[in-house]
Protein backbone atom coordinates (compact mmCIF):
# COMPACT_ATOMS: atom_id res chain seq x y z
CA MET A 1 -34.00 35.88 -3.64
CA SER A 2 -35.90 34.47 -0.72
CA TYR A 3 -35.60 33.75 2.98
CA ALA A 4 -33.83 30.48 2.17
CA VAL A 5 -30.37 31.50 3.45
CA SER A 6 -31.62 32.79 6.82
CA ALA A 7 -31.16 29.55 8.80
CA ALA A 8 -27.63 29.09 7.47
CA LEU A 9 -26.75 32.68 8.40
CA GLN A 10 -28.19 32.29 11.91
CA SER A 11 -26.29 29.04 12.47
CA ALA A 12 -23.02 30.64 11.39
CA ILE A 13 -23.59 33.67 13.64
CA PHE A 14 -24.45 31.46 16.61
CA ALA A 15 -21.37 29.28 16.01
CA ALA A 16 -19.07 32.30 15.70
CA ILE A 17 -20.29 33.89 18.92
CA SER A 18 -20.52 30.73 21.02
CA SER A 19 -17.08 29.45 20.00
CA ASP A 20 -15.16 32.70 20.48
CA VAL A 21 -12.56 32.42 23.26
CA ASP A 22 -13.32 35.86 24.70
CA VAL A 23 -17.08 35.27 24.66
CA VAL A 24 -16.63 31.91 26.40
CA ALA A 25 -14.41 33.60 29.01
CA ALA A 26 -17.15 36.16 29.68
CA VAL A 27 -20.36 34.09 29.55
CA GLY A 28 -19.31 30.44 29.31
CA ASP A 29 -21.87 28.51 27.31
CA ALA A 30 -24.64 31.05 28.00
CA VAL A 31 -25.23 31.93 24.35
CA TYR A 32 -28.80 31.17 23.35
CA ASP A 33 -30.83 30.91 20.20
CA ALA A 34 -33.86 30.23 22.42
CA ILE A 35 -33.92 31.28 26.07
CA PRO A 36 -34.08 28.13 28.21
CA SER A 37 -36.68 27.71 30.93
CA GLY A 38 -35.67 27.93 34.55
CA VAL A 39 -33.10 30.10 36.23
CA LEU A 40 -30.93 32.05 33.81
CA PRO A 41 -27.28 32.88 34.40
CA SER A 42 -26.34 36.34 35.63
CA LEU A 43 -24.94 37.24 32.20
CA TYR A 44 -25.91 35.81 28.82
CA ILE A 45 -26.15 36.48 25.10
CA SER A 46 -29.28 35.86 23.08
CA LEU A 47 -29.97 35.92 19.35
CA GLY A 48 -33.00 38.09 18.69
CA SER A 49 -35.27 39.38 15.99
CA GLU A 50 -34.48 39.63 12.31
CA VAL A 51 -35.85 41.63 9.38
CA VAL A 52 -34.96 40.46 5.86
CA ARG A 53 -35.30 42.43 2.64
CA GLU A 54 -34.58 41.57 -0.96
CA GLN A 55 -31.26 43.18 -1.87
CA GLY A 56 -30.44 42.10 -5.39
CA ASP A 57 -28.51 44.31 -7.75
CA LYS A 58 -27.15 44.07 -11.29
CA THR A 59 -24.43 41.68 -10.09
CA GLY A 60 -26.91 39.12 -8.72
CA ALA A 61 -29.64 38.16 -6.28
CA GLY A 62 -29.26 38.71 -2.58
CA THR A 63 -30.90 39.60 0.71
CA ALA A 64 -30.13 42.02 3.52
CA HIS A 65 -30.63 40.61 7.02
CA GLN A 66 -30.90 43.06 9.89
CA PHE A 67 -30.68 41.11 13.15
CA VAL A 68 -30.30 41.71 16.86
CA VAL A 69 -27.92 40.10 19.35
CA SER A 70 -28.72 40.93 22.99
CA VAL A 71 -26.43 40.98 26.00
CA VAL A 72 -28.46 40.62 29.20
CA THR A 73 -27.27 40.81 32.80
CA ASP A 74 -28.47 41.33 36.34
CA VAL A 75 -25.09 42.86 37.25
CA PRO A 76 -25.56 46.49 38.38
CA GLY A 77 -24.35 49.15 35.98
CA PHE A 78 -23.65 48.88 32.29
CA ARG A 79 -19.87 48.24 32.32
CA VAL A 80 -19.99 44.43 32.23
CA ALA A 81 -22.73 44.37 29.58
CA LYS A 82 -20.81 46.88 27.46
CA GLU A 83 -17.62 44.84 27.66
CA VAL A 84 -19.44 41.71 26.47
CA ALA A 85 -21.27 43.71 23.78
CA GLY A 86 -17.91 44.98 22.55
CA THR A 87 -16.64 41.42 22.37
CA VAL A 88 -19.67 40.36 20.31
CA CYS A 89 -18.99 43.27 17.95
CA ASP A 90 -15.37 42.18 17.63
CA VAL A 91 -16.53 38.68 16.69
CA LEU A 92 -19.15 39.70 14.13
CA GLU A 93 -18.11 42.93 12.46
CA ASP A 94 -16.68 42.14 9.02
CA ALA A 95 -16.58 38.45 9.99
CA ASP A 96 -15.77 35.94 7.27
CA LEU A 97 -18.43 33.35 8.11
CA THR A 98 -18.92 30.21 6.09
CA LEU A 99 -22.58 29.38 5.52
CA THR A 100 -24.01 25.94 4.79
CA ARG A 101 -26.09 27.62 2.10
CA GLY A 102 -25.28 30.84 0.33
CA ARG A 103 -22.40 33.25 0.78
CA LEU A 104 -21.90 36.08 3.23
CA VAL A 105 -21.01 39.24 1.30
CA SER A 106 -20.72 41.61 4.26
CA LEU A 107 -21.53 41.87 7.97
CA GLN A 108 -21.55 45.22 9.72
CA PHE A 109 -22.56 46.71 13.04
CA ARG A 110 -25.43 49.19 12.68
CA ARG A 111 -26.37 50.38 16.18
CA ALA A 112 -26.70 49.55 19.85
CA ARG A 113 -29.40 50.31 22.39
CA ALA A 114 -28.57 50.00 26.11
CA PHE A 115 -31.40 50.06 28.63
CA LYS A 116 -32.48 48.96 32.09
CA ILE A 117 -34.75 45.94 32.57
CA ASP A 118 -36.48 44.26 35.50
CA LYS A 119 -37.46 47.56 37.13
CA GLY A 120 -33.89 48.81 36.95
CA ALA A 121 -32.28 45.71 38.47
CA GLY A 122 -30.87 44.41 35.18
CA ARG A 123 -29.29 45.73 32.00
CA GLN A 124 -29.70 44.82 28.37
CA ILE A 125 -27.84 45.90 25.26
CA ASP A 126 -29.37 45.16 21.88
CA LEU A 127 -26.78 45.14 19.10
CA THR A 128 -28.14 45.47 15.57
CA PHE A 129 -26.12 44.12 12.66
CA ARG A 130 -26.70 44.00 8.92
CA ALA A 131 -25.62 41.05 6.83
CA ARG A 132 -25.77 40.93 3.05
CA VAL A 133 -25.95 37.40 1.63
CA GLU A 134 -26.20 35.76 -1.76
CA ASP A 135 -27.58 32.30 -2.47
CA ASN A 136 -25.44 29.81 -4.39
């Protein structure tokens, strides 16, 4: 198995997050694959880094994708960021995403890291998920 399914997985994840009613209510269209230049909104979601490993077994070839989705805000305190992070988890955990290439076998939350940014003025929560995919 190779990295060939990665773009399809990322597109499906982006589509699921950015089209979710609760996410849209919280951040509008501020879901980014690439952070735009200029002034950013007060609260946004960003797709982050990814590590992919071969994950084949006796039933077939596959890969395990560990990826990060970040919730970033300049709102004081962590409550707002945690609420949005929870919504992202609701969208992705055990999601049944359709990929343009390959098949999603499983998608699970692994961990979260909440921390201050911008000298304490902002907050960020990095959510790490693991997806197992097979190629068609």
